Amino acid sequence: MIMCNRSVVFSSGIINFGGCNHCNRENFPVQTLVWGDVRMDFYVHKQDWMGRTTKKLLFFNVWNTNFYPGKTQLVFPKKKLDILSKDRKHITVDEDFELTLHISENVSNN
């Protein structure tokens, strides 16, 4: 989920990633307009034996677009991601885990 100034601007359904020993990156082509305060929440979705799905917040990231003018890429290492920064034994994700955002200033009205 992506929120700008506390308003939801993007909410995916369930996006699956991982599970591939030879993969070291996953791309999520999310094209949405962000401005000001941005919060990105990432959840783990689990299904129990009765088919009920629950979600648990895995990590979140908060940043403001005004602090990164003209940047086309933002990289947030694990230690800068809320909740994951406390995973010092690397149980949840690997030590070198990072979130990379590719940013474009072009806005298209499709």
N, C-alpha and C. Protein backbone atom coordinates (compact mmCIF):
# COMPACT_ATOMS: atom_id res chain seq x y z
N MET A 1 0.84 -1.16 0.00
CA MET A 1 0.00 0.00 0.00
C MET A 1 0.89 1.23 0.00
N ILE A 2 0.53 2.23 -0.80
CA ILE A 2 1.27 3.49 -0.84
C ILE A 2 0.31 4.61 -0.44
N MET A 3 0.74 5.42 0.53
CA MET A 3 -0.06 6.54 0.99
C MET A 3 0.72 7.83 0.81
N CYS A 4 0.03 8.87 0.36
CA CYS A 4 0.61 10.21 0.27
C CYS A 4 -0.22 11.12 1.15
N ASN A 5 0.46 11.81 2.05
CA ASN A 5 -0.23 12.71 2.97
C ASN A 5 -1.44 12.03 3.62
N ARG A 6 -1.22 10.78 4.03
CA ARG A 6 -2.19 9.93 4.74
C ARG A 6 -3.37 9.46 3.89
N SER A 7 -3.34 9.70 2.59
CA SER A 7 -4.39 9.21 1.70
C SER A 7 -3.84 8.06 0.88
N VAL A 8 -4.59 6.97 0.76
CA VAL A 8 -4.15 5.82 -0.02
C VAL A 8 -4.19 6.18 -1.50
N VAL A 9 -3.05 6.01 -2.19
CA VAL A 9 -3.00 6.28 -3.63
C VAL A 9 -2.77 5.00 -4.42
N PHE A 10 -2.36 3.92 -3.75
CA PHE A 10 -2.19 2.64 -4.42
C PHE A 10 -2.31 1.53 -3.41
N SER A 11 -3.10 0.53 -3.73
CA SER A 11 -3.20 -0.65 -2.90
C SER A 11 -3.27 -1.85 -3.82
N SER A 12 -2.23 -2.67 -3.79
CA SER A 12 -2.22 -3.85 -4.65
C SER A 12 -3.08 -4.91 -4.00
N GLY A 13 -3.36 -5.91 -4.69
CA GLY A 13 -3.95 -7.07 -4.06
C GLY A 13 -2.81 -7.79 -3.39
N ILE A 14 -2.58 -9.00 -3.79
CA ILE A 14 -1.45 -9.76 -3.27
C ILE A 14 -0.42 -9.87 -4.38
N ILE A 15 0.80 -9.47 -4.08
CA ILE A 15 1.90 -9.60 -5.03
C ILE A 15 2.84 -10.66 -4.47
N ASN A 16 3.07 -11.69 -5.23
CA ASN A 16 3.96 -12.75 -4.79
C ASN A 16 5.37 -12.46 -5.26
N PHE A 17 6.35 -12.69 -4.40
CA PHE A 17 7.73 -12.58 -4.79
C PHE A 17 8.55 -13.53 -3.95
N GLY A 18 9.77 -13.75 -4.38
CA GLY A 18 10.64 -14.66 -3.66
C GLY A 18 10.38 -16.10 -4.07
N GLY A 19 10.90 -17.01 -3.26
CA GLY A 19 10.72 -18.42 -3.54
C GLY A 19 11.60 -18.93 -4.66
N CYS A 20 12.56 -18.13 -5.06
CA CYS A 20 13.43 -18.49 -6.16
C CYS A 20 14.87 -18.34 -5.68
N ASN A 21 15.56 -19.45 -5.53
CA ASN A 21 16.91 -19.41 -4.97
C ASN A 21 17.90 -18.63 -5.82
N HIS A 22 17.69 -18.58 -7.13
CA HIS A 22 18.63 -17.89 -7.99
C HIS A 22 18.22 -16.44 -8.27
N CYS A 23 17.11 -16.00 -7.74
CA CYS A 23 16.66 -14.62 -7.96
C CYS A 23 17.20 -13.73 -6.84
N ASN A 24 17.67 -12.57 -7.20
CA ASN A 24 18.15 -11.66 -6.17
C ASN A 24 17.46 -10.31 -6.23
N ARG A 25 16.44 -10.19 -7.08
CA ARG A 25 15.67 -8.95 -7.11
C ARG A 25 14.28 -9.24 -7.65
N GLU A 26 13.36 -8.41 -7.23
CA GLU A 26 11.99 -8.50 -7.73
C GLU A 26 11.56 -7.11 -8.13
N ASN A 27 10.87 -7.00 -9.24
CA ASN A 27 10.38 -5.71 -9.72
C ASN A 27 8.86 -5.67 -9.65
N PHE A 28 8.35 -4.59 -9.12
CA PHE A 28 6.92 -4.37 -9.07
C PHE A 28 6.62 -3.10 -9.84
N PRO A 29 6.15 -3.20 -11.06
CA PRO A 29 5.93 -2.01 -11.88
C PRO A 29 4.68 -1.23 -11.42
N VAL A 30 4.85 -0.46 -10.38
CA VAL A 30 3.75 0.34 -9.84
C VAL A 30 3.90 1.75 -10.38
N GLN A 31 2.92 2.20 -11.10
CA GLN A 31 2.97 3.54 -11.66
C GLN A 31 1.88 4.36 -10.98
N THR A 32 2.30 5.16 -10.03
CA THR A 32 1.35 5.99 -9.30
C THR A 32 2.03 7.31 -8.93
N LEU A 33 1.26 8.35 -8.86
CA LEU A 33 1.77 9.67 -8.53
C LEU A 33 1.95 9.81 -7.02
N VAL A 34 3.13 10.21 -6.59
CA VAL A 34 3.39 10.44 -5.17
C VAL A 34 3.91 11.85 -4.98
N TRP A 35 3.60 12.43 -3.83
CA TRP A 35 4.04 13.78 -3.51
C TRP A 35 4.02 13.95 -2.00
N GLY A 36 4.84 14.86 -1.52
CA GLY A 36 4.86 15.15 -0.08
C GLY A 36 5.28 13.95 0.74
N ASP A 37 4.59 13.75 1.86
CA ASP A 37 4.89 12.60 2.73
C ASP A 37 4.39 11.32 2.08
N VAL A 38 5.29 10.34 1.96
CA VAL A 38 4.95 9.06 1.34
C VAL A 38 5.24 7.96 2.34
N ARG A 39 4.29 7.04 2.49
CA ARG A 39 4.50 5.85 3.32
C ARG A 39 4.16 4.64 2.47
N MET A 40 5.09 3.68 2.46
CA MET A 40 4.87 2.44 1.73
C MET A 40 4.85 1.30 2.73
N ASP A 41 3.76 0.55 2.75
CA ASP A 41 3.61 -0.59 3.65
C ASP A 41 3.74 -1.88 2.85
N PHE A 42 4.47 -2.84 3.38
CA PHE A 42 4.63 -4.14 2.75
C PHE A 42 4.16 -5.21 3.73
N TYR A 43 3.27 -6.06 3.29
CA TYR A 43 2.65 -7.08 4.15
C TYR A 43 3.02 -8.48 3.70
N VAL A 44 2.97 -9.39 4.64
CA VAL A 44 3.06 -10.82 4.37
C VAL A 44 1.63 -11.35 4.47
N HIS A 45 1.18 -12.03 3.42
CA HIS A 45 -0.15 -12.62 3.41
C HIS A 45 -0.02 -14.11 3.63
N LYS A 46 -0.77 -14.63 4.58
CA LYS A 46 -0.73 -16.06 4.88
C LYS A 46 -2.14 -16.62 4.79
N GLN A 47 -2.23 -17.86 4.35
CA GLN A 47 -3.52 -18.53 4.25
C GLN A 47 -3.50 -19.73 5.19
N ASP A 48 -4.54 -19.83 6.03
CA ASP A 48 -4.59 -20.96 6.94
C ASP A 48 -5.23 -22.17 6.26
N TRP A 49 -5.35 -23.25 6.97
CA TRP A 49 -5.85 -24.49 6.40
C TRP A 49 -7.32 -24.41 6.00
N MET A 50 -8.04 -23.40 6.51
CA MET A 50 -9.45 -23.23 6.12
C MET A 50 -9.61 -22.24 4.97
N GLY A 51 -8.49 -21.75 4.44
CA GLY A 51 -8.56 -20.85 3.30
C GLY A 51 -8.68 -19.37 3.65
N ARG A 52 -8.66 -19.05 4.95
CA ARG A 52 -8.75 -17.65 5.36
C ARG A 52 -7.38 -17.00 5.21
N THR A 53 -7.39 -15.78 4.69
CA THR A 53 -6.15 -15.06 4.49
C THR A 53 -6.01 -13.96 5.53
N THR A 54 -4.82 -13.89 6.11
CA THR A 54 -4.51 -12.82 7.06
C THR A 54 -3.27 -12.09 6.54
N LYS A 55 -3.12 -10.86 6.97
CA LYS A 55 -1.92 -10.14 6.58
C LYS A 55 -1.26 -9.55 7.81
N LYS A 56 0.08 -9.52 7.74
CA LYS A 56 0.89 -8.98 8.82
C LYS A 56 1.87 -8.00 8.20
N LEU A 57 2.02 -6.85 8.83
CA LEU A 57 2.95 -5.84 8.34
C LEU A 57 4.37 -6.36 8.43
N LEU A 58 5.06 -6.48 7.30
CA LEU A 58 6.45 -6.96 7.26
C LEU A 58 7.40 -5.79 7.50
N PHE A 59 7.21 -4.69 6.78
CA PHE A 59 8.00 -3.48 6.99
C PHE A 59 7.31 -2.30 6.34
N PHE A 60 7.74 -1.10 6.69
CA PHE A 60 7.23 0.09 6.03
C PHE A 60 8.36 1.10 5.88
N ASN A 61 8.13 2.04 4.99
CA ASN A 61 9.12 3.05 4.67
C ASN A 61 8.41 4.39 4.56
N VAL A 62 8.97 5.41 5.19
CA VAL A 62 8.38 6.75 5.17
C VAL A 62 9.43 7.72 4.65
N TRP A 63 9.03 8.56 3.70
CA TRP A 63 9.94 9.56 3.16
C TRP A 63 9.13 10.70 2.58
N ASN A 64 9.79 11.81 2.29
CA ASN A 64 9.11 12.98 1.74
C ASN A 64 9.77 13.34 0.42
N THR A 65 8.96 13.55 -0.60
CA THR A 65 9.47 13.84 -1.94
C THR A 65 10.29 15.13 -1.98
N ASN A 66 10.04 16.05 -1.08
CA ASN A 66 10.77 17.32 -1.08
C ASN A 66 12.24 17.16 -0.70
N PHE A 67 12.60 16.06 -0.03
CA PHE A 67 13.99 15.83 0.35
C PHE A 67 14.82 15.20 -0.76
N TYR A 68 14.19 14.82 -1.87
CA TYR A 68 14.88 14.14 -2.95
C TYR A 68 14.58 14.78 -4.30
N PRO A 69 14.73 16.09 -4.43
CA PRO A 69 14.39 16.74 -5.71
C PRO A 69 15.34 16.29 -6.82
N GLY A 70 14.77 15.96 -7.97
CA GLY A 70 15.56 15.56 -9.13
C GLY A 70 16.13 14.16 -9.08
N LYS A 71 15.92 13.43 -7.99
CA LYS A 71 16.43 12.06 -7.89
C LYS A 71 15.59 11.14 -8.77
N THR A 72 16.25 10.21 -9.44
CA THR A 72 15.54 9.22 -10.26
C THR A 72 15.57 7.84 -9.62
N GLN A 73 16.35 7.69 -8.56
CA GLN A 73 16.42 6.41 -7.87
C GLN A 73 16.68 6.66 -6.38
N LEU A 74 15.91 6.00 -5.55
CA LEU A 74 16.12 6.05 -4.10
C LEU A 74 16.41 4.63 -3.63
N VAL A 75 17.45 4.48 -2.83
CA VAL A 75 17.81 3.17 -2.30
C VAL A 75 17.75 3.25 -0.78
N PHE A 76 16.95 2.37 -0.19
CA PHE A 76 16.82 2.30 1.26
C PHE A 76 17.34 0.94 1.73
N PRO A 77 18.51 0.91 2.39
CA PRO A 77 19.02 -0.37 2.90
C PRO A 77 18.15 -0.87 4.05
N LYS A 78 18.34 -2.11 4.39
CA LYS A 78 17.55 -2.75 5.45
C LYS A 78 17.53 -1.92 6.73
N LYS A 79 18.65 -1.34 7.11
CA LYS A 79 18.71 -0.58 8.37
C LYS A 79 17.87 0.70 8.33
N LYS A 80 17.41 1.13 7.14
CA LYS A 80 16.57 2.31 7.01
C LYS A 80 15.09 1.97 6.84
N LEU A 81 14.75 0.68 6.88
CA LEU A 81 13.37 0.23 6.73
C LEU A 81 12.79 -0.11 8.10
N ASP A 82 11.70 0.57 8.44
CA ASP A 82 11.09 0.36 9.76
C ASP A 82 10.65 -1.09 9.91
N ILE A 83 10.81 -1.61 11.08
CA ILE A 83 10.56 -2.99 11.51
C ILE A 83 11.72 -3.89 11.10
N LEU A 84 12.12 -3.88 9.82
CA LEU A 84 13.23 -4.73 9.38
C LEU A 84 14.55 -4.30 9.99
N SER A 85 14.69 -3.04 10.35
CA SER A 85 15.95 -2.58 10.94
C SER A 85 16.24 -3.28 12.27
N LYS A 86 15.22 -3.84 12.88
CA LYS A 86 15.40 -4.56 14.16
C LYS A 86 15.75 -6.04 13.95
N ASP A 87 15.74 -6.50 12.71
CA ASP A 87 16.03 -7.90 12.37
C ASP A 87 17.54 -8.09 12.26
N ARG A 88 18.24 -7.95 13.36
CA ARG A 88 19.71 -7.98 13.36
C ARG A 88 20.28 -9.39 13.16
N LYS A 89 19.47 -10.41 13.40
CA LYS A 89 19.93 -11.79 13.18
C LYS A 89 19.55 -12.28 11.78
N HIS A 90 18.92 -11.41 10.98
CA HIS A 90 18.57 -11.68 9.58
C HIS A 90 17.66 -12.90 9.44
N ILE A 91 16.68 -12.98 10.31
CA ILE A 91 15.71 -14.07 10.28
C ILE A 91 14.62 -13.79 9.24
N THR A 92 14.16 -12.56 9.17
CA THR A 92 13.07 -12.20 8.27
C THR A 92 13.55 -12.05 6.84
N VAL A 93 14.62 -11.29 6.64
CA VAL A 93 15.21 -11.10 5.30
C VAL A 93 16.73 -11.11 5.43
N ASP A 94 17.41 -11.24 4.29
CA ASP A 94 18.87 -11.26 4.27
C ASP A 94 19.45 -9.93 4.72
N GLU A 95 20.72 -9.98 5.11
CA GLU A 95 21.43 -8.80 5.60
C GLU A 95 21.53 -7.71 4.53
N ASP A 96 21.66 -8.09 3.27
CA ASP A 96 21.83 -7.12 2.19
C ASP A 96 20.51 -6.70 1.53
N PHE A 97 19.39 -7.01 2.15
CA PHE A 97 18.08 -6.62 1.62
C PHE A 97 18.00 -5.10 1.52
N GLU A 98 17.43 -4.61 0.42
CA GLU A 98 17.22 -3.17 0.26
C GLU A 98 16.01 -2.92 -0.63
N LEU A 99 15.45 -1.75 -0.48
CA LEU A 99 14.31 -1.31 -1.28
C LEU A 99 14.83 -0.23 -2.22
N THR A 100 14.66 -0.43 -3.52
CA THR A 100 15.09 0.54 -4.52
C THR A 100 13.86 1.05 -5.26
N LEU A 101 13.71 2.35 -5.28
CA LEU A 101 12.59 2.99 -5.99
C LEU A 101 13.14 3.75 -7.18
N HIS A 102 12.59 3.47 -8.36
CA HIS A 102 12.94 4.23 -9.56
C HIS A 102 11.85 5.25 -9.78
N ILE A 103 12.26 6.51 -9.88
CA ILE A 103 11.30 7.61 -9.90
C ILE A 103 11.40 8.36 -11.22
N SER A 104 10.26 8.72 -11.76
CA SER A 104 10.21 9.52 -12.97
C SER A 104 9.37 10.75 -12.68
N GLU A 105 9.80 11.89 -13.19
CA GLU A 105 9.02 13.10 -13.01
C GLU A 105 7.95 13.25 -14.09
N ASN A 106 7.96 12.36 -15.07
CA ASN A 106 6.98 12.42 -16.14
C ASN A 106 5.64 11.89 -15.65
N VAL A 107 4.61 12.66 -15.86
CA VAL A 107 3.27 12.24 -15.49
C VAL A 107 2.47 12.09 -16.77
N SER A 108 1.95 10.89 -17.02
CA SER A 108 1.14 10.69 -18.22
C SER A 108 -0.30 10.42 -17.82
N ASN A 109 -1.19 10.91 -18.58
CA ASN A 109 -2.63 10.70 -18.34
C ASN A 109 -3.14 9.66 -19.30
N ASN A 110 -3.01 8.39 -18.95
CA ASN A 110 -3.47 7.31 -19.80
C ASN A 110 -4.89 6.96 -19.49
